[in-house]
Amino acid sequence: MPARSFRTAFDGLIAHIFHPIHDAGDIATERGVVRSERELSTAYYPSTNALMQFLKTRWIAASQFPIEQTFGSDADLASITPGVLRAFQEAAYLQRGL
């Protein structure tokens, strides 16, 4: 990015962080992305291939949590709304004194 564009881009980034637009359509899209990631990860969970899945689940029993704990369930994803995101953001910023 050219230096002359940095200030504008930086101001936009800061505005997006502190004053995001929580659009219901964008949230629905992200639900689909998370659901897809969860489904792709399910085949060899908690690893990425059959050998590592065997090692992590049967040999050393390293998986102590379900995949939904990482990606959430469909009910968890459905409960995310613009209002929930705004409340979460406000609580996070208040906690940090921002």
PDB file of N, CA and C in Angstrom:
ATOM      1  N   MET A   1       0.849  -1.167   0.000  1.00  0.00           N
ATOM      2  CA  MET A   1       0.000   0.000   0.000  1.00  0.00           C
ATOM      3  C   MET A   1       0.897   1.233   0.000  1.00  0.00           C
ATOM      4  N   PRO A   2       0.649   2.141  -0.914  1.00  0.00           N
ATOM      5  CA  PRO A   2       1.440   3.366  -0.927  1.00  0.00           C
ATOM      6  C   PRO A   2       1.244   4.171   0.358  1.00  0.00           C
ATOM      7  N   ALA A   3       2.291   4.866   0.770  1.00  0.00           N
ATOM      8  CA  ALA A   3       2.237   5.636   2.014  1.00  0.00           C
ATOM      9  C   ALA A   3       1.130   6.673   1.983  1.00  0.00           C
ATOM     10  N   ARG A   4       0.837   7.219   0.813  1.00  0.00           N
ATOM     11  CA  ARG A   4      -0.207   8.261   0.741  1.00  0.00           C
ATOM     12  C   ARG A   4      -1.598   7.696   1.031  1.00  0.00           C
ATOM     13  N   SER A   5      -1.780   6.382   0.888  1.00  0.00           N
ATOM     14  CA  SER A   5      -3.070   5.747   1.153  1.00  0.00           C
ATOM     15  C   SER A   5      -3.174   5.203   2.575  1.00  0.00           C
ATOM     16  N   PHE A   6      -2.058   5.168   3.280  1.00  0.00           N
ATOM     17  CA  PHE A   6      -2.055   4.534   4.590  1.00  0.00           C
ATOM     18  C   PHE A   6      -3.038   5.185   5.550  1.00  0.00           C
ATOM     19  N   ARG A   7      -3.024   6.501   5.645  1.00  0.00           N
ATOM     20  CA  ARG A   7      -3.875   7.192   6.626  1.00  0.00           C
ATOM     21  C   ARG A   7      -5.357   6.875   6.392  1.00  0.00           C
ATOM     22  N   THR A   8      -5.784   6.903   5.145  1.00  0.00           N
ATOM     23  CA  THR A   8      -7.184   6.604   4.833  1.00  0.00           C
ATOM     24  C   THR A   8      -7.517   5.159   5.185  1.00  0.00           C
ATOM     25  N   ALA A   9      -6.634   4.237   4.819  1.00  0.00           N
ATOM     26  CA  ALA A   9      -6.868   2.824   5.121  1.00  0.00           C
ATOM     27  C   ALA A   9      -6.856   2.579   6.624  1.00  0.00           C
ATOM     28  N   PHE A  10      -5.937   3.214   7.326  1.00  0.00           N
ATOM     29  CA  PHE A  10      -5.849   3.037   8.769  1.00  0.00           C
ATOM     30  C   PHE A  10      -7.098   3.577   9.458  1.00  0.00           C
ATOM     31  N   ASP A  11      -7.560   4.753   9.045  1.00  0.00           N
ATOM     32  CA  ASP A  11      -8.792   5.319   9.614  1.00  0.00           C
ATOM     33  C   ASP A  11      -9.980   4.386   9.374  1.00  0.00           C
ATOM     34  N   GLY A  12     -10.035   3.785   8.185  1.00  0.00           N
ATOM     35  CA  GLY A  12     -11.107   2.849   7.881  1.00  0.00           C
ATOM     36  C   GLY A  12     -11.039   1.612   8.753  1.00  0.00           C
ATOM     37  N   LEU A  13      -9.832   1.104   8.973  1.00  0.00           N
ATOM     38  CA  LEU A  13      -9.658  -0.067   9.828  1.00  0.00           C
ATOM     39  C   LEU A  13     -10.098   0.230  11.258  1.00  0.00           C
ATOM     40  N   ILE A  14      -9.669   1.353  11.794  1.00  0.00           N
ATOM     41  CA  ILE A  14     -10.043   1.733  13.158  1.00  0.00           C
ATOM     42  C   ILE A  14     -11.556   1.909  13.276  1.00  0.00           C
ATOM     43  N   ALA A  15     -12.171   2.545  12.283  1.00  0.00           N
ATOM     44  CA  ALA A  15     -13.624   2.719  12.300  1.00  0.00           C
ATOM     45  C   ALA A  15     -14.324   1.362  12.277  1.00  0.00           C
ATOM     46  N   HIS A  16     -13.780   0.440  11.507  1.00  0.00           N
ATOM     47  CA  HIS A  16     -14.388  -0.891  11.420  1.00  0.00           C
ATOM     48  C   HIS A  16     -14.270  -1.645  12.744  1.00  0.00           C
ATOM     49  N   ILE A  17     -13.186  -1.440  13.454  1.00  0.00           N
ATOM     50  CA  ILE A  17     -12.995  -2.117  14.738  1.00  0.00           C
ATOM     51  C   ILE A  17     -13.903  -1.543  15.810  1.00  0.00           C
ATOM     52  N   PHE A  18     -13.958  -0.221  15.915  1.00  0.00           N
ATOM     53  CA  PHE A  18     -14.700   0.408  17.008  1.00  0.00           C
ATOM     54  C   PHE A  18     -16.158   0.712  16.670  1.00  0.00           C
ATOM     55  N   HIS A  19     -16.513   0.735  15.392  1.00  0.00           N
ATOM     56  CA  HIS A  19     -17.892   1.022  14.979  1.00  0.00           C
ATOM     57  C   HIS A  19     -18.304   0.092  13.843  1.00  0.00           C
ATOM     58  N   PRO A  20     -18.269  -1.222  14.087  1.00  0.00           N
ATOM     59  CA  PRO A  20     -18.588  -2.161  13.002  1.00  0.00           C
ATOM     60  C   PRO A  20     -20.070  -2.129  12.651  1.00  0.00           C
ATOM     61  N   ILE A  21     -20.345  -2.545  11.456  1.00  0.00           N
ATOM     62  CA  ILE A  21     -21.727  -2.687  10.997  1.00  0.00           C
ATOM     63  C   ILE A  21     -22.069  -4.165  11.122  1.00  0.00           C
ATOM     64  N   HIS A  22     -23.009  -4.477  11.998  1.00  0.00           N
ATOM     65  CA  HIS A  22     -23.417  -5.871  12.203  1.00  0.00           C
ATOM     66  C   HIS A  22     -24.622  -6.138  11.315  1.00  0.00           C
ATOM     67  N   ASP A  23     -24.359  -6.605  10.119  1.00  0.00           N
ATOM     68  CA  ASP A  23     -25.400  -6.847   9.134  1.00  0.00           C
ATOM     69  C   ASP A  23     -25.884  -8.288   9.217  1.00  0.00           C
ATOM     70  N   ALA A  24     -27.187  -8.475   9.286  1.00  0.00           N
ATOM     71  CA  ALA A  24     -27.764  -9.816   9.406  1.00  0.00           C
ATOM     72  C   ALA A  24     -27.381 -10.697   8.220  1.00  0.00           C
ATOM     73  N   GLY A  25     -27.291 -10.121   7.026  1.00  0.00           N
ATOM     74  CA  GLY A  25     -26.897 -10.893   5.846  1.00  0.00           C
ATOM     75  C   GLY A  25     -25.465 -11.395   5.949  1.00  0.00           C
ATOM     76  N   ASP A  26     -24.569 -10.531   6.432  1.00  0.00           N
ATOM     77  CA  ASP A  26     -23.173 -10.942   6.621  1.00  0.00           C
ATOM     78  C   ASP A  26     -23.060 -12.034   7.676  1.00  0.00           C
ATOM     79  N   ILE A  27     -23.856 -11.921   8.731  1.00  0.00           N
ATOM     80  CA  ILE A  27     -23.835 -12.936   9.795  1.00  0.00           C
ATOM     81  C   ILE A  27     -24.310 -14.280   9.245  1.00  0.00           C
ATOM     82  N   ALA A  28     -25.347 -14.255   8.423  1.00  0.00           N
ATOM     83  CA  ALA A  28     -25.846 -15.496   7.813  1.00  0.00           C
ATOM     84  C   ALA A  28     -24.773 -16.127   6.931  1.00  0.00           C
ATOM     85  N   THR A  29     -24.047 -15.308   6.183  1.00  0.00           N
ATOM     86  CA  THR A  29     -22.958 -15.823   5.341  1.00  0.00           C
ATOM     87  C   THR A  29     -21.882 -16.474   6.201  1.00  0.00           C
ATOM     88  N   GLU A  30     -21.510 -15.812   7.285  1.00  0.00           N
ATOM     89  CA  GLU A  30     -20.472 -16.359   8.173  1.00  0.00           C
ATOM     90  C   GLU A  30     -20.925 -17.641   8.854  1.00  0.00           C
ATOM     91  N   ARG A  31     -22.225 -17.749   9.157  1.00  0.00           N
ATOM     92  CA  ARG A  31     -22.745 -19.006   9.708  1.00  0.00           C
ATOM     93  C   ARG A  31     -22.466 -20.146   8.743  1.00  0.00           C
ATOM     94  N   GLY A  32     -22.717 -19.899   7.463  1.00  0.00           N
ATOM     95  CA  GLY A  32     -22.466 -20.914   6.447  1.00  0.00           C
ATOM     96  C   GLY A  32     -20.993 -21.271   6.353  1.00  0.00           C
ATOM     97  N   VAL A  33     -20.118 -20.280   6.469  1.00  0.00           N
ATOM     98  CA  VAL A  33     -18.677 -20.521   6.422  1.00  0.00           C
ATOM     99  C   VAL A  33     -18.245 -21.397   7.595  1.00  0.00           C
ATOM    100  N   VAL A  34     -18.705 -21.062   8.795  1.00  0.00           N
ATOM    101  CA  VAL A  34     -18.332 -21.839   9.982  1.00  0.00           C
ATOM    102  C   VAL A  34     -18.890 -23.256   9.879  1.00  0.00           C
ATOM    103  N   ARG A  35     -20.128 -23.379   9.439  1.00  0.00           N
ATOM    104  CA  ARG A  35     -20.741 -24.699   9.285  1.00  0.00           C
ATOM    105  C   ARG A  35     -19.933 -25.537   8.287  1.00  0.00           C
ATOM    106  N   SER A  36     -19.521 -24.930   7.183  1.00  0.00           N
ATOM    107  CA  SER A  36     -18.727 -25.625   6.177  1.00  0.00           C
ATOM    108  C   SER A  36     -17.372 -26.051   6.735  1.00  0.00           C
ATOM    109  N   GLU A  37     -16.718 -25.176   7.480  1.00  0.00           N
ATOM    110  CA  GLU A  37     -15.431 -25.519   8.093  1.00  0.00           C
ATOM    111  C   GLU A  37     -15.588 -26.683   9.071  1.00  0.00           C
ATOM    112  N   ARG A  38     -16.683 -26.651   9.842  1.00  0.00           N
ATOM    113  CA  ARG A  38     -16.929 -27.744  10.792  1.00  0.00           C
ATOM    114  C   ARG A  38     -17.125 -29.059  10.045  1.00  0.00           C
ATOM    115  N   GLU A  39     -17.902 -29.040   8.955  1.00  0.00           N
ATOM    116  CA  GLU A  39     -18.160 -30.257   8.194  1.00  0.00           C
ATOM    117  C   GLU A  39     -16.885 -30.787   7.541  1.00  0.00           C
ATOM    118  N   LEU A  40     -16.034 -29.892   7.031  1.00  0.00           N
ATOM    119  CA  LEU A  40     -14.772 -30.324   6.428  1.00  0.00           C
ATOM    120  C   LEU A  40     -13.819 -30.910   7.472  1.00  0.00           C
ATOM    121  N   SER A  41     -13.878 -30.387   8.677  1.00  0.00           N
ATOM    122  CA  SER A  41     -12.979 -30.852   9.737  1.00  0.00           C
ATOM    123  C   SER A  41     -13.458 -32.129  10.402  1.00  0.00           C
ATOM    124  N   THR A  42     -14.696 -32.513  10.182  1.00  0.00           N
ATOM    125  CA  THR A  42     -15.283 -33.668  10.858  1.00  0.00           C
ATOM    126  C   THR A  42     -14.669 -34.993  10.414  1.00  0.00           C
ATOM    127  N   ALA A  43     -14.281 -35.113   9.153  1.00  0.00           N
ATOM    128  CA  ALA A  43     -13.821 -36.393   8.608  1.00  0.00           C
ATOM    129  C   ALA A  43     -12.695 -37.014   9.432  1.00  0.00           C
ATOM    130  N   TYR A  44     -11.679 -36.247   9.785  1.00  0.00           N
ATOM    131  CA  TYR A  44     -10.546 -36.785  10.539  1.00  0.00           C
ATOM    132  C   TYR A  44     -10.365 -36.075  11.875  1.00  0.00           C
ATOM    133  N   TYR A  45     -11.435 -35.530  12.425  1.00  0.00           N
ATOM    134  CA  TYR A  45     -11.329 -34.793  13.688  1.00  0.00           C
ATOM    135  C   TYR A  45     -10.746 -35.685  14.771  1.00  0.00           C
ATOM    136  N   PRO A  46      -9.849 -35.244  15.590  1.00  0.00           N
ATOM    137  CA  PRO A  46      -9.319 -33.903  15.797  1.00  0.00           C
ATOM    138  C   PRO A  46      -8.056 -33.611  14.994  1.00  0.00           C
ATOM    139  N   SER A  47      -7.834 -34.331  13.921  1.00  0.00           N
ATOM    140  CA  SER A  47      -6.640 -34.109  13.124  1.00  0.00           C
ATOM    141  C   SER A  47      -7.037 -33.848  11.682  1.00  0.00           C
ATOM    142  N   THR A  48      -6.070 -33.998  10.768  1.00  0.00           N
ATOM    143  CA  THR A  48      -6.342 -33.695   9.360  1.00  0.00           C
ATOM    144  C   THR A  48      -6.165 -34.885   8.435  1.00  0.00           C
ATOM    145  N   ASN A  49      -5.743 -36.024   8.964  1.00  0.00           N
ATOM    146  CA  ASN A  49      -5.606 -37.228   8.131  1.00  0.00           C
ATOM    147  C   ASN A  49      -5.846 -38.465   8.992  1.00  0.00           C
ATOM    148  N   ALA A  50      -5.991 -39.608   8.346  1.00  0.00           N
ATOM    149  CA  ALA A  50      -6.379 -40.829   9.057  1.00  0.00           C
ATOM    150  C   ALA A  50      -5.339 -41.286  10.085  1.00  0.00           C
ATOM    151  N   LEU A  51      -4.068 -41.221   9.728  1.00  0.00           N
ATOM    152  CA  LEU A  51      -3.034 -41.651  10.673  1.00  0.00           C
ATOM    153  C   LEU A  51      -3.033 -40.778  11.928  1.00  0.00           C
ATOM    154  N   MET A  52      -3.057 -39.471  11.741  1.00  0.00           N
ATOM    155  CA  MET A  52      -3.037 -38.577  12.903  1.00  0.00           C
ATOM    156  C   MET A  52      -4.323 -38.697  13.709  1.00  0.00           C
ATOM    157  N   GLN A  53      -5.430 -38.961  13.047  1.00  0.00           N
ATOM    158  CA  GLN A  53      -6.672 -39.177  13.787  1.00  0.00           C
ATOM    159  C   GLN A  53      -6.526 -40.398  14.689  1.00  0.00           C
ATOM    160  N   PHE A  54      -5.956 -41.466  14.165  1.00  0.00           N
ATOM    161  CA  PHE A  54      -5.729 -42.661  14.964  1.00  0.00           C
ATOM    162  C   PHE A  54      -4.828 -42.353  16.152  1.00  0.00           C
ATOM    163  N   LEU A  55      -3.726 -41.659  15.887  1.00  0.00           N
ATOM    164  CA  LEU A  55      -2.787 -41.352  16.961  1.00  0.00           C
ATOM    165  C   LEU A  55      -3.415 -40.471  18.036  1.00  0.00           C
ATOM    166  N   LYS A  56      -4.219 -39.502  17.611  1.00  0.00           N
ATOM    167  CA  LYS A  56      -4.790 -38.554  18.577  1.00  0.00           C
ATOM    168  C   LYS A  56      -6.012 -39.093  19.318  1.00  0.00           C
ATOM    169  N   THR A  57      -6.694 -40.069  18.745  1.00  0.00           N
ATOM    170  CA  THR A  57      -7.919 -40.537  19.407  1.00  0.00           C
ATOM    171  C   THR A  57      -7.790 -41.923  20.017  1.00  0.00           C
ATOM    172  N   ARG A  58      -7.127 -42.824  19.346  1.00  0.00           N
ATOM    173  CA  ARG A  58      -7.078 -44.194  19.848  1.00  0.00           C
ATOM    174  C   ARG A  58      -5.793 -44.497  20.616  1.00  0.00           C
ATOM    175  N   TRP A  59      -4.704 -43.940  20.131  1.00  0.00           N
ATOM    176  CA  TRP A  59      -3.421 -44.294  20.738  1.00  0.00           C
ATOM    177  C   TRP A  59      -3.144 -43.472  21.989  1.00  0.00           C
ATOM    178  N   ILE A  60      -3.249 -42.155  21.908  1.00  0.00           N
ATOM    179  CA  ILE A  60      -2.968 -41.331  23.092  1.00  0.00           C
ATOM    180  C   ILE A  60      -4.208 -40.647  23.650  1.00  0.00           C
ATOM    181  N   ALA A  61      -5.356 -40.868  23.005  1.00  0.00           N
ATOM    182  CA  ALA A  61      -6.625 -40.320  23.490  1.00  0.00           C
ATOM    183  C   ALA A  61      -6.517 -38.834  23.830  1.00  0.00           C
ATOM    184  N   ALA A  62      -5.983 -38.061  22.896  1.00  0.00           N
ATOM    185  CA  ALA A  62      -5.755 -36.640  23.158  1.00  0.00           C
ATOM    186  C   ALA A  62      -7.010 -35.782  22.995  1.00  0.00           C
ATOM    187  N   SER A  63      -8.009 -36.291  22.279  1.00  0.00           N
ATOM    188  CA  SER A  63      -9.201 -35.487  22.037  1.00  0.00           C
ATOM    189  C   SER A  63     -10.146 -35.575  23.230  1.00  0.00           C
ATOM    190  N   GLN A  64     -10.230 -34.504  23.972  1.00  0.00           N
ATOM    191  CA  GLN A  64     -11.079 -34.475  25.151  1.00  0.00           C
ATOM    192  C   GLN A  64     -12.313 -33.601  24.957  1.00  0.00           C
ATOM    193  N   PHE A  65     -12.527 -33.094  23.752  1.00  0.00           N
ATOM    194  CA  PHE A  65     -13.664 -32.201  23.529  1.00  0.00           C
ATOM    195  C   PHE A  65     -14.264 -32.458  22.153  1.00  0.00           C
ATOM    196  N   PRO A  66     -15.563 -32.229  22.011  1.00  0.00           N
ATOM    197  CA  PRO A  66     -16.231 -32.456  20.727  1.00  0.00           C
ATOM    198  C   PRO A  66     -15.923 -31.328  19.735  1.00  0.00           C
ATOM    199  N   ILE A  67     -16.119 -31.601  18.459  1.00  0.00           N
ATOM    200  CA  ILE A  67     -15.852 -30.608  17.422  1.00  0.00           C
ATOM    201  C   ILE A  67     -16.742 -29.378  17.575  1.00  0.00           C
ATOM    202  N   GLU A  68     -17.942 -29.559  18.128  1.00  0.00           N
ATOM    203  CA  GLU A  68     -18.840 -28.420  18.332  1.00  0.00           C
ATOM    204  C   GLU A  68     -18.270 -27.413  19.323  1.00  0.00           C
ATOM    205  N   GLN A  69     -17.378 -27.853  20.192  1.00  0.00           N
ATOM    206  CA  GLN A  69     -16.761 -26.919  21.131  1.00  0.00           C
ATOM    207  C   GLN A  69     -15.844 -25.949  20.394  1.00  0.00           C
ATOM    208  N   THR A  70     -15.300 -26.365  19.285  1.00  0.00           N
ATOM    209  CA  THR A  70     -14.446 -25.496  18.482  1.00  0.00           C
ATOM    210  C   THR A  70     -15.262 -24.637  17.536  1.00  0.00           C
ATOM    211  N   PHE A  71     -16.199 -25.256  16.808  1.00  0.00           N
ATOM    212  CA  PHE A  71     -16.938 -24.553  15.773  1.00  0.00           C
ATOM    213  C   PHE A  71     -18.358 -24.160  16.168  1.00  0.00           C
ATOM    214  N   GLY A  72     -18.870 -24.673  17.274  1.00  0.00           N
ATOM    215  CA  GLY A  72     -20.251 -24.396  17.663  1.00  0.00           C
ATOM    216  C   GLY A  72     -21.207 -25.323  16.934  1.00  0.00           C
ATOM    217  N   SER A  73     -22.384 -25.455  17.490  1.00  0.00           N
ATOM    218  CA  SER A  73     -23.419 -26.277  16.852  1.00  0.00           C
ATOM    219  C   SER A  73     -24.266 -25.378  15.955  1.00  0.00           C
ATOM    220  N   ASP A  74     -25.163 -25.984  15.185  1.00  0.00           N
ATOM    221  CA  ASP A  74     -26.062 -25.181  14.361  1.00  0.00           C
ATOM    222  C   ASP A  74     -26.916 -24.258  15.228  1.00  0.00           C
ATOM    223  N   ALA A  75     -27.330 -24.730  16.402  1.00  0.00           N
ATOM    224  CA  ALA A  75     -28.124 -23.894  17.313  1.00  0.00           C
ATOM    225  C   ALA A  75     -27.301 -22.704  17.807  1.00  0.00           C
ATOM    226  N   ASP A  76     -26.010 -22.935  18.108  1.00  0.00           N
ATOM    227  CA  ASP A  76     -25.136 -21.837  18.529  1.00  0.00           C
ATOM    228  C   ASP A  76     -25.024 -20.796  17.423  1.00  0.00           C
ATOM    229  N   LEU A  77     -24.789 -21.261  16.200  1.00  0.00           N
ATOM    230  CA  LEU A  77     -24.639 -20.333  15.077  1.00  0.00           C
ATOM    231  C   LEU A  77     -25.923 -19.551  14.829  1.00  0.00           C
ATOM    232  N   ALA A  78     -27.066 -20.231  14.968  1.00  0.00           N
ATOM    233  CA  ALA A  78     -28.351 -19.561  14.739  1.00  0.00           C
ATOM    234  C   ALA A  78     -28.632 -18.494  15.788  1.00  0.00           C
ATOM    235  N   SER A  79     -28.036 -18.626  16.964  1.00  0.00           N
ATOM    236  CA  SER A  79     -28.308 -17.662  18.036  1.00  0.00           C
ATOM    237  C   SER A  79     -27.523 -16.362  17.884  1.00  0.00           C
ATOM    238  N   ILE A  80     -26.582 -16.316  16.946  1.00  0.00           N
ATOM    239  CA  ILE A  80     -25.788 -15.095  16.749  1.00  0.00           C
ATOM    240  C   ILE A  80     -26.585 -14.117  15.898  1.00  0.00           C
ATOM    241  N   THR A  81     -26.856 -12.960  16.458  1.00  0.00           N
ATOM    242  CA  THR A  81     -27.620 -11.912  15.789  1.00  0.00           C
ATOM    243  C   THR A  81     -26.835 -10.606  15.861  1.00  0.00           C
ATOM    244  N   PRO A  82     -27.241  -9.600  15.080  1.00  0.00           N
ATOM    245  CA  PRO A  82     -26.566  -8.299  15.202  1.00  0.00           C
ATOM    246  C   PRO A  82     -26.597  -7.755  16.631  1.00  0.00           C
ATOM    247  N   GLY A  83     -27.702  -7.942  17.331  1.00  0.00           N
ATOM    248  CA  GLY A  83     -27.800  -7.465  18.711  1.00  0.00           C
ATOM    249  C   GLY A  83     -26.831  -8.174  19.643  1.00  0.00           C
ATOM    250  N   VAL A  84     -26.691  -9.475  19.470  1.00  0.00           N
ATOM    251  CA  VAL A  84     -25.757 -10.251  20.287  1.00  0.00           C
ATOM    252  C   VAL A  84     -24.324  -9.778  20.033  1.00  0.00           C
ATOM    253  N   LEU A  85     -23.980  -9.564  18.767  1.00  0.00           N
ATOM    254  CA  LEU A  85     -22.630  -9.094  18.448  1.00  0.00           C
ATOM    255  C   LEU A  85     -22.366  -7.711  19.025  1.00  0.00           C
ATOM    256  N   ARG A  86     -23.361  -6.819  18.938  1.00  0.00           N
ATOM    257  CA  ARG A  86     -23.196  -5.471  19.516  1.00  0.00           C
ATOM    258  C   ARG A  86     -22.991  -5.555  21.024  1.00  0.00           C
ATOM    259  N   ALA A  87     -23.787  -6.378  21.698  1.00  0.00           N
ATOM    260  CA  ALA A  87     -23.659  -6.529  23.155  1.00  0.00           C
ATOM    261  C   ALA A  87     -22.295  -7.107  23.517  1.00  0.00           C
ATOM    262  N   PHE A  88     -21.831  -8.089  22.753  1.00  0.00           N
ATOM    263  CA  PHE A  88     -20.524  -8.668  23.001  1.00  0.00           C
ATOM    264  C   PHE A  88     -19.424  -7.627  22.823  1.00  0.00           C
ATOM    265  N   GLN A  89     -19.519  -6.866  21.754  1.00  0.00           N
ATOM    266  CA  GLN A  89     -18.519  -5.833  21.485  1.00  0.00           C
ATOM    267  C   GLN A  89     -18.515  -4.778  22.588  1.00  0.00           C
ATOM    268  N   GLU A  90     -19.681  -4.324  22.985  1.00  0.00           N
ATOM    269  CA  GLU A  90     -19.757  -3.314  24.043  1.00  0.00           C
ATOM    270  C   GLU A  90     -19.178  -3.844  25.348  1.00  0.00           C
ATOM    271  N   ALA A  91     -19.497  -5.082  25.684  1.00  0.00           N
ATOM    272  CA  ALA A  91     -18.963  -5.666  26.923  1.00  0.00           C
ATOM    273  C   ALA A  91     -17.443  -5.809  26.845  1.00  0.00           C
ATOM    274  N   ALA A  92     -16.932  -6.222  25.701  1.00  0.00           N
ATOM    275  CA  ALA A  92     -15.483  -6.377  25.556  1.00  0.00           C
ATOM    276  C   ALA A  92     -14.780  -5.031  25.665  1.00  0.00           C
ATOM    277  N   TYR A  93     -15.331  -4.018  25.052  1.00  0.00           N
ATOM    278  CA  TYR A  93     -14.696  -2.694  25.106  1.00  0.00           C
ATOM    279  C   TYR A  93     -14.806  -2.085  26.485  1.00  0.00           C
ATOM    280  N   LEU A  94     -15.940  -2.260  27.152  1.00  0.00           N
ATOM    281  CA  LEU A  94     -16.096  -1.723  28.513  1.00  0.00           C
ATOM    282  C   LEU A  94     -15.135  -2.391  29.469  1.00  0.00           C
ATOM    283  N   GLN A  95     -14.949  -3.690  29.304  1.00  0.00           N
ATOM    284  CA  GLN A  95     -14.049  -4.442  30.174  1.00  0.00           C
ATOM    285  C   GLN A  95     -12.618  -3.948  30.043  1.00  0.00           C
ATOM    286  N   ARG A  96     -12.255  -3.487  28.847  1.00  0.00           N
ATOM    287  CA  ARG A  96     -10.894  -3.000  28.604  1.00  0.00           C
ATOM    288  C   ARG A  96     -10.792  -1.485  28.764  1.00  0.00           C
ATOM    289  N   GLY A  97     -11.888  -0.839  29.093  1.00  0.00           N
ATOM    290  CA  GLY A  97     -11.882   0.599  29.286  1.00  0.00           C
ATOM    291  C   GLY A  97     -11.716   1.384  27.996  1.00  0.00           C
ATOM    292  N   LEU A  98     -12.208   0.815  26.875  1.00  0.00           N
ATOM    293  CA  LEU A  98     -12.076   1.491  25.567  1.00  0.00           C
ATOM    294  C   LEU A  98     -13.301   2.310  25.260  1.00  0.00           C
TER     295      LEU A  98
END
